[in-house]
Amino acid sequence: MGQTMGQTTGKVTCDMAVSLDGYTAGPNQSLDKPFGEGEDGRLTRWMIEEAEANAEVIEGITDAGAFIMGRNMFSPGRGDWDLDWTGWWGDEPPYHAPVFVLTHHPRETVTMRGGTTFTFVTEGIEEALVRARAAAGGRNVAIAGGAHTVNQYLAAGLIDELRLHVAPVVLGAGERLLEGVGDLALEPVSVAGIGSVAHLTYRVTR
């Protein structure tokens, strides 16, 4: 990676739980069904039921100096903010680091327990990445999702490492990964089957 003011810049990584047919969520995501109809927790069930066997993988998902996510991952709302809403994760989200939320609606930074801050970025994906890199202090920046946000970063050539966690599930419809990203150049790094899930890591080459 390149150098920034004498410091090594970390990688831009992305971890996504995905169905065999390429969906990260079912259709009609809502407050009651944050991962859409028909998903019912099946894409991430391995993180709970097989947590011990997958402990290293699970730890790696939140091992970053800063995170970027789309508004749809942070909130079920789509218009003006409900200022009482501070995410799906309770008072202490799992990130323990700065999180930059892409949105069209400005909002003041939200500070949570455990070191997580949600900063809302209205200037687009490149500006969010600049700010996340600065906040990460040389560590990796993780693109946390959802699929629409990940697809934007992949299409722009801004992700270095793509980690797919493929569950033995067929959703048939919903929010699809790798849609509109062009002909990506992907170099396989590792493949591991642990319990019911296949972990596939690719380096995204330029």
Protein backbone atom coordinates (compact mmCIF):
# COMPACT_ATOMS: atom_id res chain seq x y z
CA MET A 1 0.00 0.00 0.00
CA GLY A 2 0.97 3.63 -0.29
CA GLN A 3 2.39 5.96 2.31
CA THR A 4 0.55 8.83 3.97
CA MET A 5 2.69 11.37 5.80
CA GLY A 6 5.26 8.70 6.61
CA GLN A 7 2.71 6.17 7.88
CA THR A 8 1.67 2.96 6.17
CA THR A 9 -1.94 3.06 4.99
CA GLY A 10 -3.94 -0.06 5.80
CA LYS A 11 -5.99 -2.05 3.36
CA VAL A 12 -9.61 -1.44 2.49
CA THR A 13 -11.40 -4.68 3.31
CA CYS A 14 -14.96 -5.93 3.06
CA ASP A 15 -16.67 -8.86 4.79
CA MET A 16 -20.09 -9.92 3.54
CA ALA A 17 -22.37 -12.79 4.52
CA VAL A 18 -23.98 -13.95 1.29
CA SER A 19 -26.34 -16.63 0.02
CA LEU A 20 -25.34 -19.18 -2.60
CA ASP A 21 -27.24 -17.16 -5.20
CA GLY A 22 -25.46 -13.93 -4.31
CA TYR A 23 -27.86 -12.08 -2.02
CA THR A 24 -26.90 -10.34 1.22
CA ALA A 25 -30.53 -9.69 2.21
CA GLY A 26 -33.99 -10.67 1.09
CA PRO A 27 -36.55 -8.26 -0.40
CA ASN A 28 -38.50 -5.62 1.53
CA GLN A 29 -36.09 -4.84 4.35
CA SER A 30 -37.86 -3.18 7.29
CA LEU A 31 -37.67 -2.51 11.02
CA ASP A 32 -39.17 -5.94 11.73
CA LYS A 33 -37.07 -7.70 9.09
CA PRO A 34 -33.75 -5.84 8.80
CA PHE A 35 -32.35 -8.50 6.43
CA GLY A 36 -35.52 -8.73 4.37
CA GLU A 37 -38.23 -11.31 3.87
CA GLY A 38 -37.15 -14.95 3.79
CA GLU A 39 -33.71 -14.40 5.32
CA ASP A 40 -34.75 -15.03 8.94
CA GLY A 41 -31.18 -14.89 10.24
CA ARG A 42 -29.99 -17.74 8.03
CA LEU A 43 -27.08 -15.87 6.45
CA THR A 44 -25.41 -15.21 9.80
CA ARG A 45 -26.67 -18.15 11.85
CA TRP A 46 -23.14 -19.61 11.75
CA MET A 47 -21.89 -16.61 13.75
CA ILE A 48 -24.09 -17.70 16.67
CA GLU A 49 -24.50 -21.46 16.37
CA GLU A 50 -20.91 -22.10 15.23
CA ALA A 51 -19.26 -19.14 16.95
CA GLU A 52 -16.46 -21.10 18.59
CA ALA A 53 -15.34 -22.83 15.40
CA ASN A 54 -15.49 -19.51 13.51
CA ALA A 55 -14.07 -17.33 16.29
CA GLU A 56 -11.04 -16.16 14.30
CA VAL A 57 -13.17 -15.21 11.29
CA ILE A 58 -15.72 -13.38 13.43
CA GLU A 59 -12.97 -11.44 15.21
CA GLY A 60 -11.49 -10.45 11.87
CA ILE A 61 -14.75 -8.91 10.67
CA THR A 62 -14.54 -6.12 13.27
CA ASP A 63 -10.72 -5.85 13.26
CA ALA A 64 -10.37 -2.45 11.59
CA GLY A 65 -9.44 1.08 12.55
CA ALA A 66 -12.57 2.55 10.98
CA PHE A 67 -15.70 1.39 9.18
CA ILE A 68 -17.97 2.65 6.39
CA MET A 69 -21.59 1.63 5.93
CA GLY A 70 -24.61 2.73 3.97
CA ARG A 71 -27.58 4.35 5.62
CA ASN A 72 -29.71 1.28 4.95
CA MET A 73 -27.36 -0.77 7.12
CA PHE A 74 -27.53 1.75 9.94
CA SER A 75 -31.26 2.50 9.89
CA PRO A 76 -34.57 1.25 8.50
CA GLY A 77 -35.54 4.85 7.70
CA ARG A 78 -35.06 6.46 4.29
CA GLY A 79 -36.05 10.11 4.72
CA ASP A 80 -35.36 12.65 7.46
CA TRP A 81 -33.65 11.20 10.51
CA ASP A 82 -35.41 9.82 13.55
CA LEU A 83 -32.89 11.24 16.02
CA ASP A 84 -33.83 8.64 18.64
CA TRP A 85 -32.48 5.92 16.33
CA THR A 86 -28.82 5.06 17.06
CA GLY A 87 -28.45 1.79 15.13
CA TRP A 88 -29.44 -1.86 15.44
CA TRP A 89 -26.74 -2.79 17.96
CA GLY A 90 -27.87 -1.37 21.31
CA ASP A 91 -25.87 0.97 23.52
CA GLU A 92 -22.52 -0.68 22.74
CA PRO A 93 -22.15 -1.56 19.03
CA PRO A 94 -19.52 -4.17 18.07
CA TYR A 95 -17.30 -1.78 16.11
CA HIS A 96 -15.44 0.02 18.93
CA ALA A 97 -14.09 2.47 16.34
CA PRO A 98 -15.22 5.37 14.15
CA VAL A 99 -18.01 4.42 11.72
CA PHE A 100 -18.85 6.63 8.73
CA VAL A 101 -22.43 6.34 7.49
CA LEU A 102 -23.23 7.33 3.91
CA THR A 103 -26.43 9.39 3.70
CA HIS A 104 -28.18 12.20 1.85
CA HIS A 105 -29.47 13.67 5.13
CA PRO A 106 -27.04 15.50 7.45
CA ARG A 107 -26.93 14.51 11.10
CA GLU A 108 -24.68 15.24 14.06
CA THR A 109 -22.18 12.58 15.12
CA VAL A 110 -23.58 9.97 17.52
CA THR A 111 -21.24 8.68 20.25
CA MET A 112 -21.92 5.25 21.71
CA ARG A 113 -20.40 3.15 24.48
CA GLY A 114 -17.23 1.20 23.83
CA GLY A 115 -15.59 3.70 21.49
CA THR A 116 -18.02 3.55 18.55
CA THR A 117 -18.91 6.87 16.91
CA PHE A 118 -21.29 7.22 13.97
CA THR A 119 -20.38 10.13 11.69
CA PHE A 120 -22.76 10.89 8.83
CA VAL A 121 -21.20 11.71 5.45
CA THR A 122 -23.23 13.40 2.71
CA GLU A 123 -20.37 14.00 0.24
CA GLY A 124 -20.16 10.49 -1.24
CA ILE A 125 -18.07 7.34 -1.07
CA GLU A 126 -14.68 8.90 -1.81
CA GLU A 127 -15.03 11.52 0.93
CA ALA A 128 -16.15 8.85 3.39
CA LEU A 129 -13.03 6.81 2.58
CA VAL A 130 -10.73 9.81 3.01
CA ARG A 131 -12.23 10.48 6.42
CA ALA A 132 -12.17 6.82 7.42
CA ARG A 133 -8.50 6.47 6.45
CA ALA A 134 -7.63 9.50 8.54
CA ALA A 135 -9.55 8.09 11.50
CA ALA A 136 -8.08 4.58 11.13
CA GLY A 137 -4.57 5.77 11.96
CA GLY A 138 -2.84 3.40 9.54
CA ARG A 139 -5.06 0.39 10.32
CA ASN A 140 -7.45 -1.22 7.83
CA VAL A 141 -10.70 0.44 6.81
CA ALA A 142 -13.65 -1.97 6.53
CA ILE A 143 -16.57 -1.45 4.16
CA ALA A 144 -19.30 -2.95 6.34
CA GLY A 145 -22.23 -3.00 3.91
CA GLY A 146 -24.87 -3.31 2.75
CA ALA A 147 -24.54 -4.70 -0.75
CA HIS A 148 -25.39 -1.43 -2.52
CA THR A 149 -22.58 0.37 -0.68
CA VAL A 150 -20.11 -2.46 -1.28
CA ASN A 151 -21.00 -2.53 -4.97
CA GLN A 152 -20.28 1.20 -5.25
CA TYR A 153 -16.84 0.78 -3.69
CA LEU A 154 -16.04 -2.25 -5.87
CA ALA A 155 -17.15 -0.44 -9.04
CA ALA A 156 -14.88 2.48 -8.10
CA GLY A 157 -11.90 0.16 -7.51
CA LEU A 158 -11.60 1.19 -3.87
CA ILE A 159 -11.63 -2.22 -2.13
CA ASP A 160 -8.39 -4.18 -1.74
CA GLU A 161 -9.67 -7.41 -0.15
CA LEU A 162 -13.11 -8.99 -0.47
CA ARG A 163 -14.07 -11.67 2.09
CA LEU A 164 -17.26 -13.59 1.35
CA HIS A 165 -18.91 -15.80 3.95
CA VAL A 166 -21.19 -18.05 1.93
CA ALA A 167 -24.07 -19.70 3.77
CA PRO A 168 -25.87 -22.74 2.27
CA VAL A 169 -28.99 -20.66 1.64
CA VAL A 170 -30.87 -19.75 -1.55
CA LEU A 171 -32.90 -16.53 -1.17
CA GLY A 172 -34.05 -16.09 -4.77
CA ALA A 173 -34.48 -12.30 -4.52
CA GLY A 174 -33.34 -9.28 -2.54
CA GLU A 175 -30.24 -7.13 -2.34
CA ARG A 176 -27.57 -8.66 -4.55
CA LEU A 177 -23.81 -8.41 -4.19
CA LEU A 178 -21.57 -7.82 -7.24
CA GLU A 179 -24.32 -6.14 -9.24
CA GLY A 180 -23.12 -3.40 -11.58
CA VAL A 181 -19.48 -3.70 -10.52
CA GLY A 182 -18.04 -4.51 -13.95
CA ASP A 183 -15.52 -7.24 -14.75
CA LEU A 184 -13.60 -7.40 -11.48
CA ALA A 185 -10.09 -8.83 -11.38
CA LEU A 186 -10.15 -11.12 -8.34
CA GLU A 187 -7.17 -13.13 -7.12
CA PRO A 188 -8.05 -15.99 -4.73
CA VAL A 189 -6.22 -15.70 -1.42
CA SER A 190 -7.83 -18.41 0.71
CA VAL A 191 -10.77 -20.81 0.90
CA ALA A 192 -11.94 -22.38 4.15
CA GLY A 193 -15.02 -24.42 4.98
CA ILE A 194 -15.87 -24.24 8.68
CA GLY A 195 -19.06 -25.94 9.76
CA SER A 196 -21.88 -24.83 7.48
CA VAL A 197 -20.17 -21.75 5.98
CA ALA A 198 -17.53 -21.29 3.27
CA HIS A 199 -15.11 -18.40 3.77
CA LEU A 200 -13.69 -17.08 0.48
CA THR A 201 -11.05 -14.35 0.45
CA TYR A 202 -10.08 -12.51 -2.74
CA ARG A 203 -7.56 -9.79 -3.47
CA VAL A 204 -9.06 -7.18 -5.78
CA THR A 205 -6.34 -6.35 -8.29
CA ARG A 206 -6.16 -3.20 -10.37
